[in-house]
Amino acid sequence: MYKLLGIDLDGTLLNSEHKISEGNKKNIRLLYKKGVKIVLLSGREPNSLTAFAKELEIREPLAGLNGGIIVDHTGEKILYEKCLSEESAKKTISYVYNENIHTLVFIRNIVLSSNIEFEDLEIVRKYISTDIKAIDNIIRYIEDNNLWSKISKILLMEENQNLLKHRTILNKLTNENLSLEFSLPNFLELFNRDVSKGNALTIIGQILNIKSEEMVVIGDGENDISMFEYAGIGVAMENALDIVKNKADYVTLSNDEDGVSHVIRKFWDI
């Protein structure tokens, strides 16, 4: 029997209105009462995860920033954290600043924005619970506040074709020391190459004494593939990127059709 269900947030657990449907809430709570551990894993900052954990009434560790930070269900205790190297952070932020790329920089629950217009910030706020601090010169700000070694994740927002070009350049610029993965077609996330949701599952499995083959995971983005590779069963959403579907063991319904509930009914007697 599977003992753990790992769930991505945006495009997976959350519908197009960025909410958890009543159907998904009901089935997750039923599964939780049967003793199955529910773990949320997301590119979001920890504050976002703790809010959804509270809504679902779950108490397992939470993996935020693509696994770059793991906290307890309250968000008050950090169980694991790994940031970008200073060298990679400096090269990346210098490049995106000079290229005028819309950028968010995540430092735990602090989110800094650079080169982002008001309209774009309104879109981003649908995916972030923490207040976003707009910075005119982000290089100077990070330098003045000694933050180069504390950056967990960098998010770039552009048209997909532009991001593909930037990904190739940044991969060479940082000597392949970063993971550069799409969470959404227009969102490219950069983080330490040793960080992944799969690695987070390894750590959480050790904490909960659950083996990889006892896990079912669900996701829709490139940053979810490492979960598929680690867990016993990897499930892609119908709305997932094609590359994600191709890596999955099973494809469920979309996030607007309660695809998470469909998985729960398929793999557990709910």
C-alpha atoms as a PDB file:
ATOM      1  CA  MET A   1       0.000   0.000   0.000  1.00  0.00           C
ATOM      2  CA  TYR A   2       1.209   3.500  -0.810  1.00  0.00           C
ATOM      3  CA  LYS A   3       1.958   5.510   2.326  1.00  0.00           C
ATOM      4  CA  LEU A   4       2.636   8.992   0.969  1.00  0.00           C
ATOM      5  CA  LEU A   5       1.035  11.304  -1.592  1.00  0.00           C
ATOM      6  CA  GLY A   6       3.266  14.148  -2.778  1.00  0.00           C
ATOM      7  CA  ILE A   7       1.448  16.988  -4.515  1.00  0.00           C
ATOM      8  CA  ASP A   8       2.627  20.008  -6.475  1.00  0.00           C
ATOM      9  CA  LEU A   9       0.548  23.186  -6.047  1.00  0.00           C
ATOM     10  CA  ASP A  10       0.159  25.396  -9.126  1.00  0.00           C
ATOM     11  CA  GLY A  11      -1.362  23.575 -12.075  1.00  0.00           C
ATOM     12  CA  THR A  12      -1.868  20.466  -9.934  1.00  0.00           C
ATOM     13  CA  LEU A  13      -3.625  20.831  -6.579  1.00  0.00           C
ATOM     14  CA  LEU A  14      -4.750  24.400  -7.340  1.00  0.00           C
ATOM     15  CA  ASN A  15      -7.297  25.053 -10.069  1.00  0.00           C
ATOM     16  CA  SER A  16      -7.240  27.929 -12.563  1.00  0.00           C
ATOM     17  CA  GLU A  17      -8.551  30.234  -9.836  1.00  0.00           C
ATOM     18  CA  HIS A  18      -5.500  29.273  -7.716  1.00  0.00           C
ATOM     19  CA  LYS A  19      -7.707  27.577  -5.135  1.00  0.00           C
ATOM     20  CA  ILE A  20      -8.144  24.054  -3.760  1.00  0.00           C
ATOM     21  CA  SER A  21     -11.517  22.711  -4.877  1.00  0.00           C
ATOM     22  CA  GLU A  22     -13.949  21.373  -2.297  1.00  0.00           C
ATOM     23  CA  GLY A  23     -13.720  17.944  -3.939  1.00  0.00           C
ATOM     24  CA  ASN A  24      -9.943  17.825  -3.583  1.00  0.00           C
ATOM     25  CA  LYS A  25     -10.147  19.031   0.025  1.00  0.00           C
ATOM     26  CA  LYS A  26     -12.641  16.310   0.883  1.00  0.00           C
ATOM     27  CA  ASN A  27     -10.661  13.476  -0.685  1.00  0.00           C
ATOM     28  CA  ILE A  28      -7.305  14.618   0.699  1.00  0.00           C
ATOM     29  CA  ARG A  29      -8.764  14.783   4.194  1.00  0.00           C
ATOM     30  CA  LEU A  30     -10.295  11.331   3.802  1.00  0.00           C
ATOM     31  CA  LEU A  31      -6.958   9.927   2.648  1.00  0.00           C
ATOM     32  CA  TYR A  32      -5.167  11.652   5.511  1.00  0.00           C
ATOM     33  CA  LYS A  33      -7.552  10.108   8.029  1.00  0.00           C
ATOM     34  CA  LYS A  34      -6.617   6.678   6.621  1.00  0.00           C
ATOM     35  CA  GLY A  35      -3.020   7.363   7.715  1.00  0.00           C
ATOM     36  CA  VAL A  36      -1.517   8.334   4.343  1.00  0.00           C
ATOM     37  CA  LYS A  37       0.993  11.174   4.637  1.00  0.00           C
ATOM     38  CA  ILE A  38       0.224  14.229   2.497  1.00  0.00           C
ATOM     39  CA  VAL A  39       3.259  16.280   1.435  1.00  0.00           C
ATOM     40  CA  LEU A  40       3.120  19.540  -0.512  1.00  0.00           C
ATOM     41  CA  LEU A  41       6.087  20.300  -2.793  1.00  0.00           C
ATOM     42  CA  SER A  42       6.226  23.539  -4.734  1.00  0.00           C
ATOM     43  CA  GLY A  43       8.342  26.236  -6.287  1.00  0.00           C
ATOM     44  CA  ARG A  44       6.537  28.670  -3.984  1.00  0.00           C
ATOM     45  CA  GLU A  45       8.020  30.229  -0.865  1.00  0.00           C
ATOM     46  CA  PRO A  46       7.337  28.505   2.505  1.00  0.00           C
ATOM     47  CA  ASN A  47       4.616  30.969   3.574  1.00  0.00           C
ATOM     48  CA  SER A  48       2.437  29.870   0.669  1.00  0.00           C
ATOM     49  CA  LEU A  49       2.789  26.203   1.581  1.00  0.00           C
ATOM     50  CA  THR A  50       1.985  26.670   5.259  1.00  0.00           C
ATOM     51  CA  ALA A  51      -1.242  28.466   4.341  1.00  0.00           C
ATOM     52  CA  PHE A  52      -2.398  25.584   2.147  1.00  0.00           C
ATOM     53  CA  ALA A  53      -1.277  22.998   4.728  1.00  0.00           C
ATOM     54  CA  LYS A  54      -3.440  24.741   7.296  1.00  0.00           C
ATOM     55  CA  GLU A  55      -6.374  24.763   4.887  1.00  0.00           C
ATOM     56  CA  LEU A  56      -5.992  21.006   4.332  1.00  0.00           C
ATOM     57  CA  GLU A  57      -5.349  20.325   8.038  1.00  0.00           C
ATOM     58  CA  ILE A  58      -2.135  18.386   7.362  1.00  0.00           C
ATOM     59  CA  ARG A  59       0.986  18.355   9.525  1.00  0.00           C
ATOM     60  CA  GLU A  60       3.767  16.847   7.383  1.00  0.00           C
ATOM     61  CA  PRO A  61       6.989  18.615   6.330  1.00  0.00           C
ATOM     62  CA  LEU A  62       6.637  21.037   3.402  1.00  0.00           C
ATOM     63  CA  ALA A  63       9.096  21.441   0.525  1.00  0.00           C
ATOM     64  CA  GLY A  64       9.263  24.945  -0.932  1.00  0.00           C
ATOM     65  CA  LEU A  65      11.377  26.699  -3.566  1.00  0.00           C
ATOM     66  CA  ASN A  66      11.614  23.455  -5.581  1.00  0.00           C
ATOM     67  CA  GLY A  67      13.047  21.598  -2.613  1.00  0.00           C
ATOM     68  CA  GLY A  68      15.558  24.290  -1.731  1.00  0.00           C
ATOM     69  CA  ILE A  69      13.958  24.596   1.678  1.00  0.00           C
ATOM     70  CA  ILE A  70      12.026  22.104   3.805  1.00  0.00           C
ATOM     71  CA  VAL A  71      10.075  23.344   6.819  1.00  0.00           C
ATOM     72  CA  ASP A  72       7.698  21.832   9.343  1.00  0.00           C
ATOM     73  CA  HIS A  73       3.960  22.352   8.805  1.00  0.00           C
ATOM     74  CA  THR A  74       4.037  25.638  10.742  1.00  0.00           C
ATOM     75  CA  GLY A  75       6.932  27.026   8.691  1.00  0.00           C
ATOM     76  CA  GLU A  76       8.732  27.974  11.897  1.00  0.00           C
ATOM     77  CA  LYS A  77      11.333  25.190  11.863  1.00  0.00           C
ATOM     78  CA  ILE A  78      13.731  24.787   8.924  1.00  0.00           C
ATOM     79  CA  LEU A  79      14.577  21.113   8.363  1.00  0.00           C
ATOM     80  CA  TYR A  80      16.775  21.599   5.272  1.00  0.00           C
ATOM     81  CA  GLU A  81      18.035  24.500   3.165  1.00  0.00           C
ATOM     82  CA  LYS A  82      20.371  24.878   0.189  1.00  0.00           C
ATOM     83  CA  CYS A  83      20.919  28.133  -1.713  1.00  0.00           C
ATOM     84  CA  LEU A  84      22.650  29.125  -4.941  1.00  0.00           C
ATOM     85  CA  SER A  85      26.404  29.568  -4.744  1.00  0.00           C
ATOM     86  CA  GLU A  86      27.489  33.211  -4.562  1.00  0.00           C
ATOM     87  CA  GLU A  87      29.262  32.900  -7.904  1.00  0.00           C
ATOM     88  CA  SER A  88      26.204  31.513  -9.698  1.00  0.00           C
ATOM     89  CA  ALA A  89      23.909  34.066  -8.067  1.00  0.00           C
ATOM     90  CA  LYS A  90      26.119  36.995  -9.097  1.00  0.00           C
ATOM     91  CA  LYS A  91      26.519  35.814 -12.694  1.00  0.00           C
ATOM     92  CA  THR A  92      22.813  35.113 -13.096  1.00  0.00           C
ATOM     93  CA  ILE A  93      21.465  38.309 -11.567  1.00  0.00           C
ATOM     94  CA  SER A  94      24.000  40.467 -13.409  1.00  0.00           C
ATOM     95  CA  TYR A  95      22.905  38.864 -16.694  1.00  0.00           C
ATOM     96  CA  VAL A  96      19.141  39.164 -16.141  1.00  0.00           C
ATOM     97  CA  TYR A  97      19.466  42.735 -14.835  1.00  0.00           C
ATOM     98  CA  ASN A  98      21.475  43.854 -17.860  1.00  0.00           C
ATOM     99  CA  GLU A  99      19.117  42.023 -20.235  1.00  0.00           C
ATOM    100  CA  ASN A 100      16.118  43.716 -18.556  1.00  0.00           C
ATOM    101  CA  ILE A 101      14.426  40.374 -17.895  1.00  0.00           C
ATOM    102  CA  HIS A 102      11.432  40.310 -15.557  1.00  0.00           C
ATOM    103  CA  THR A 103      12.891  38.688 -12.438  1.00  0.00           C
ATOM    104  CA  LEU A 104      11.926  37.578  -8.945  1.00  0.00           C
ATOM    105  CA  VAL A 105      14.569  36.686  -6.351  1.00  0.00           C
ATOM    106  CA  PHE A 106      13.536  34.428  -3.448  1.00  0.00           C
ATOM    107  CA  ILE A 107      15.319  34.543  -0.096  1.00  0.00           C
ATOM    108  CA  ARG A 108      13.303  32.240   2.157  1.00  0.00           C
ATOM    109  CA  ASN A 109      10.026  34.176   2.542  1.00  0.00           C
ATOM    110  CA  ILE A 110      11.424  37.415   1.120  1.00  0.00           C
ATOM    111  CA  VAL A 111      10.641  38.084  -2.547  1.00  0.00           C
ATOM    112  CA  LEU A 112      12.421  40.838  -4.489  1.00  0.00           C
ATOM    113  CA  SER A 113      11.351  41.986  -7.949  1.00  0.00           C
ATOM    114  CA  SER A 114      13.410  43.562 -10.719  1.00  0.00           C
ATOM    115  CA  ASN A 115      12.322  44.964 -14.096  1.00  0.00           C
ATOM    116  CA  ILE A 116       8.695  44.003 -13.501  1.00  0.00           C
ATOM    117  CA  GLU A 117       5.806  46.270 -14.500  1.00  0.00           C
ATOM    118  CA  PHE A 118       2.752  46.667 -12.272  1.00  0.00           C
ATOM    119  CA  GLU A 119       0.572  44.534 -14.571  1.00  0.00           C
ATOM    120  CA  ASP A 120       3.042  41.647 -14.398  1.00  0.00           C
ATOM    121  CA  LEU A 121       3.235  41.921 -10.616  1.00  0.00           C
ATOM    122  CA  GLU A 122      -0.526  41.462 -10.433  1.00  0.00           C
ATOM    123  CA  ILE A 123      -0.165  38.172 -12.317  1.00  0.00           C
ATOM    124  CA  VAL A 124       2.705  37.023 -10.100  1.00  0.00           C
ATOM    125  CA  ARG A 125       0.777  37.729  -6.905  1.00  0.00           C
ATOM    126  CA  LYS A 126      -1.576  34.873  -7.820  1.00  0.00           C
ATOM    127  CA  TYR A 127       1.345  32.504  -7.226  1.00  0.00           C
ATOM    128  CA  ILE A 128       2.959  34.145  -4.185  1.00  0.00           C
ATOM    129  CA  SER A 129       1.535  34.768  -0.712  1.00  0.00           C
ATOM    130  CA  THR A 130       4.414  36.930   0.508  1.00  0.00           C
ATOM    131  CA  ASP A 131       4.594  40.667  -0.216  1.00  0.00           C
ATOM    132  CA  ILE A 132       6.843  41.457  -3.170  1.00  0.00           C
ATOM    133  CA  LYS A 133       9.440  44.207  -2.722  1.00  0.00           C
ATOM    134  CA  ALA A 134      10.235  46.108  -5.933  1.00  0.00           C
ATOM    135  CA  ILE A 135      13.930  47.012  -6.250  1.00  0.00           C
ATOM    136  CA  ASP A 136      15.317  49.571  -8.732  1.00  0.00           C
ATOM    137  CA  ASN A 137      18.880  48.239  -8.744  1.00  0.00           C
ATOM    138  CA  ILE A 138      18.746  44.675  -7.496  1.00  0.00           C
ATOM    139  CA  ILE A 139      22.500  44.107  -7.810  1.00  0.00           C
ATOM    140  CA  ARG A 140      23.267  47.050  -5.525  1.00  0.00           C
ATOM    141  CA  TYR A 141      20.512  46.016  -3.079  1.00  0.00           C
ATOM    142  CA  ILE A 142      21.801  42.447  -2.740  1.00  0.00           C
ATOM    143  CA  GLU A 143      25.371  43.694  -2.377  1.00  0.00           C
ATOM    144  CA  ASP A 144      24.492  46.324   0.244  1.00  0.00           C
ATOM    145  CA  ASN A 145      22.477  43.804   2.296  1.00  0.00           C
ATOM    146  CA  ASN A 146      25.014  40.957   1.980  1.00  0.00           C
ATOM    147  CA  LEU A 147      22.461  38.579   0.436  1.00  0.00           C
ATOM    148  CA  TRP A 148      24.452  36.836  -2.316  1.00  0.00           C
ATOM    149  CA  SER A 149      24.832  33.610  -0.307  1.00  0.00           C
ATOM    150  CA  LYS A 150      21.187  33.573   0.814  1.00  0.00           C
ATOM    151  CA  ILE A 151      19.339  33.334  -2.506  1.00  0.00           C
ATOM    152  CA  SER A 152      17.185  30.215  -2.744  1.00  0.00           C
ATOM    153  CA  LYS A 153      15.673  30.661  -6.192  1.00  0.00           C
ATOM    154  CA  ILE A 154      15.504  33.061  -9.138  1.00  0.00           C
ATOM    155  CA  LEU A 155      12.374  33.191 -11.303  1.00  0.00           C
ATOM    156  CA  LEU A 156      12.425  34.653 -14.819  1.00  0.00           C
ATOM    157  CA  MET A 157       9.223  35.697 -16.607  1.00  0.00           C
ATOM    158  CA  GLU A 158       9.177  36.155 -20.366  1.00  0.00           C
ATOM    159  CA  GLU A 159       7.684  34.603 -23.478  1.00  0.00           C
ATOM    160  CA  ASN A 160       8.626  30.942 -23.707  1.00  0.00           C
ATOM    161  CA  GLN A 161      10.853  31.324 -26.773  1.00  0.00           C
ATOM    162  CA  ASN A 162      12.841  34.092 -25.083  1.00  0.00           C
ATOM    163  CA  LEU A 163      13.268  32.008 -21.954  1.00  0.00           C
ATOM    164  CA  LEU A 164      14.559  29.072 -23.982  1.00  0.00           C
ATOM    165  CA  LYS A 165      17.261  31.348 -25.382  1.00  0.00           C
ATOM    166  CA  HIS A 166      18.144  32.721 -21.953  1.00  0.00           C
ATOM    167  CA  ARG A 167      18.260  29.224 -20.483  1.00  0.00           C
ATOM    168  CA  THR A 168      20.935  28.155 -22.956  1.00  0.00           C
ATOM    169  CA  ILE A 169      23.024  31.262 -22.262  1.00  0.00           C
ATOM    170  CA  LEU A 170      22.677  31.044 -18.468  1.00  0.00           C
ATOM    171  CA  ASN A 171      23.512  27.353 -18.434  1.00  0.00           C
ATOM    172  CA  LYS A 172      26.858  28.105 -20.090  1.00  0.00           C
ATOM    173  CA  LEU A 173      27.426  31.256 -18.047  1.00  0.00           C
ATOM    174  CA  THR A 174      27.079  29.390 -14.738  1.00  0.00           C
ATOM    175  CA  ASN A 175      29.086  26.348 -15.938  1.00  0.00           C
ATOM    176  CA  GLU A 176      25.986  24.144 -15.588  1.00  0.00           C
ATOM    177  CA  ASN A 177      25.930  24.702 -11.823  1.00  0.00           C
ATOM    178  CA  LEU A 178      22.222  25.533 -11.796  1.00  0.00           C
ATOM    179  CA  SER A 179      19.011  23.695 -12.543  1.00  0.00           C
ATOM    180  CA  LEU A 180      16.933  25.720 -14.998  1.00  0.00           C
ATOM    181  CA  GLU A 181      13.414  24.323 -15.212  1.00  0.00           C
ATOM    182  CA  PHE A 182      10.023  25.524 -16.384  1.00  0.00           C
ATOM    183  CA  SER A 183       7.234  25.479 -13.798  1.00  0.00           C
ATOM    184  CA  LEU A 184       4.932  27.144 -16.328  1.00  0.00           C
ATOM    185  CA  PRO A 185       5.645  27.930 -20.010  1.00  0.00           C
ATOM    186  CA  ASN A 186       6.435  31.562 -19.141  1.00  0.00           C
ATOM    187  CA  PHE A 187       8.129  30.875 -15.780  1.00  0.00           C
ATOM    188  CA  LEU A 188      11.749  29.689 -15.789  1.00  0.00           C
ATOM    189  CA  GLU A 189      13.080  28.805 -12.333  1.00  0.00           C
ATOM    190  CA  LEU A 190      16.795  28.729 -11.461  1.00  0.00           C
ATOM    191  CA  PHE A 191      18.166  27.054  -8.347  1.00  0.00           C
ATOM    192  CA  ASN A 192      21.139  25.061  -7.060  1.00  0.00           C
ATOM    193  CA  ARG A 193      21.640  21.957  -9.220  1.00  0.00           C
ATOM    194  CA  ASP A 194      21.728  19.787  -6.090  1.00  0.00           C
ATOM    195  CA  VAL A 195      18.215  20.984  -5.232  1.00  0.00           C
ATOM    196  CA  SER A 196      15.120  19.209  -6.541  1.00  0.00           C
ATOM    197  CA  LYS A 197      11.725  18.031  -5.432  1.00  0.00           C
ATOM    198  CA  GLY A 198      13.054  14.492  -5.793  1.00  0.00           C
ATOM    199  CA  ASN A 199      15.835  15.244  -3.332  1.00  0.00           C
ATOM    200  CA  ALA A 200      13.283  16.821  -0.994  1.00  0.00           C
ATOM    201  CA  LEU A 201      11.242  13.616  -1.127  1.00  0.00           C
ATOM    202  CA  THR A 202      14.362  11.646  -0.201  1.00  0.00           C
ATOM    203  CA  ILE A 203      14.835  13.792   2.911  1.00  0.00           C
ATOM    204  CA  ILE A 204      11.154  13.777   3.852  1.00  0.00           C
ATOM    205  CA  GLY A 205      10.996  10.012   3.328  1.00  0.00           C
ATOM    206  CA  GLN A 206      13.846   9.607   5.808  1.00  0.00           C
ATOM    207  CA  ILE A 207      12.045  11.830   8.314  1.00  0.00           C
ATOM    208  CA  LEU A 208       8.779   9.904   7.944  1.00  0.00           C
ATOM    209  CA  ASN A 209      10.416   6.481   7.462  1.00  0.00           C
ATOM    210  CA  ILE A 210       8.732   5.949   4.084  1.00  0.00           C
ATOM    211  CA  LYS A 211      10.469   4.297   1.115  1.00  0.00           C
ATOM    212  CA  SER A 212      10.414   5.722  -2.411  1.00  0.00           C
ATOM    213  CA  GLU A 213       8.359   2.794  -3.719  1.00  0.00           C
ATOM    214  CA  GLU A 214       5.680   3.642  -1.163  1.00  0.00           C
ATOM    215  CA  MET A 215       5.137   7.112  -2.653  1.00  0.00           C
ATOM    216  CA  VAL A 216       2.741   8.472  -5.273  1.00  0.00           C
ATOM    217  CA  VAL A 217       3.461  11.980  -6.594  1.00  0.00           C
ATOM    218  CA  ILE A 218       1.526  14.350  -8.837  1.00  0.00           C
ATOM    219  CA  GLY A 219       2.787  17.326 -10.864  1.00  0.00           C
ATOM    220  CA  ASP A 220       2.601  19.306 -14.100  1.00  0.00           C
ATOM    221  CA  GLY A 221       5.952  21.104 -14.592  1.00  0.00           C
ATOM    222  CA  GLU A 222       9.547  20.277 -15.447  1.00  0.00           C
ATOM    223  CA  ASN A 223      10.431  20.815 -11.793  1.00  0.00           C
ATOM    224  CA  ASP A 224       8.202  17.821 -10.952  1.00  0.00           C
ATOM    225  CA  ILE A 225      10.076  15.286 -13.098  1.00  0.00           C
ATOM    226  CA  SER A 226      12.632  14.573 -10.359  1.00  0.00           C
ATOM    227  CA  MET A 227       9.708  13.495  -8.156  1.00  0.00           C
ATOM    228  CA  PHE A 228       8.564  11.068 -10.854  1.00  0.00           C
ATOM    229  CA  GLU A 229      12.052   9.607 -11.069  1.00  0.00           C
ATOM    230  CA  TYR A 230      12.232   9.052  -7.311  1.00  0.00           C
ATOM    231  CA  ALA A 231       8.740   7.921  -6.315  1.00  0.00           C
ATOM    232  CA  GLY A 232       7.068   4.594  -6.945  1.00  0.00           C
ATOM    233  CA  ILE A 233       4.368   6.205  -9.083  1.00  0.00           C
ATOM    234  CA  GLY A 234       4.633   9.521 -10.903  1.00  0.00           C
ATOM    235  CA  VAL A 235       1.406  11.080 -12.150  1.00  0.00           C
ATOM    236  CA  ALA A 236       1.177  13.977 -14.600  1.00  0.00           C
ATOM    237  CA  MET A 237      -1.805  16.269 -14.887  1.00  0.00           C
ATOM    238  CA  GLU A 238      -3.692  16.411 -18.187  1.00  0.00           C
ATOM    239  CA  ASN A 239      -2.679  20.090 -18.346  1.00  0.00           C
ATOM    240  CA  ALA A 240       1.017  19.228 -17.804  1.00  0.00           C
ATOM    241  CA  LEU A 241       3.789  20.020 -20.262  1.00  0.00           C
ATOM    242  CA  ASP A 242       4.290  17.223 -22.808  1.00  0.00           C
ATOM    243  CA  ILE A 243       7.796  16.504 -21.531  1.00  0.00           C
ATOM    244  CA  VAL A 244       6.275  15.899 -18.089  1.00  0.00           C
ATOM    245  CA  LYS A 245       3.555  13.585 -19.413  1.00  0.00           C
ATOM    246  CA  ASN A 246       6.186  11.554 -21.243  1.00  0.00           C
ATOM    247  CA  LYS A 247       8.042  10.960 -17.963  1.00  0.00           C
ATOM    248  CA  ALA A 248       4.940   9.958 -15.992  1.00  0.00           C
ATOM    249  CA  ASP A 249       3.610   6.486 -15.163  1.00  0.00           C
ATOM    250  CA  TYR A 250       0.050   7.751 -15.441  1.00  0.00           C
ATOM    251  CA  VAL A 251      -1.806  10.865 -16.636  1.00  0.00           C
ATOM    252  CA  THR A 252      -4.775  12.069 -14.590  1.00  0.00           C
ATOM    253  CA  LEU A 253      -7.471  14.669 -15.248  1.00  0.00           C
ATOM    254  CA  SER A 254      -6.663  18.383 -15.360  1.00  0.00           C
ATOM    255  CA  ASN A 255      -6.392  20.694 -12.367  1.00  0.00           C
ATOM    256  CA  ASP A 256      -9.866  22.069 -13.201  1.00  0.00           C
ATOM    257  CA  GLU A 257     -11.325  18.545 -13.185  1.00  0.00           C
ATOM    258  CA  ASP A 258     -10.060  17.501  -9.733  1.00  0.00           C
ATOM    259  CA  GLY A 259      -7.219  15.421 -11.161  1.00  0.00           C
ATOM    260  CA  VAL A 260      -5.794  14.963  -7.646  1.00  0.00           C
ATOM    261  CA  SER A 261      -9.048  13.377  -6.456  1.00  0.00           C
ATOM    262  CA  HIS A 262      -8.972  11.051  -9.460  1.00  0.00           C
ATOM    263  CA  VAL A 263      -5.510   9.848  -8.404  1.00  0.00           C
ATOM    264  CA  ILE A 264      -6.658   9.273  -4.820  1.00  0.00           C
ATOM    265  CA  ARG A 265      -9.583   7.165  -6.001  1.00  0.00           C
ATOM    266  CA  LYS A 266      -7.360   5.199  -8.386  1.00  0.00           C
ATOM    267  CA  PHE A 267      -4.566   4.291  -5.978  1.00  0.00           C
ATOM    268  CA  TRP A 268      -6.435   4.153  -2.674  1.00  0.00           C
ATOM    269  CA  ASP A 269      -9.844   2.806  -1.650  1.00  0.00           C
ATOM    270  CA  ILE A 270     -11.531   6.180  -1.164  1.00  0.00           C
END
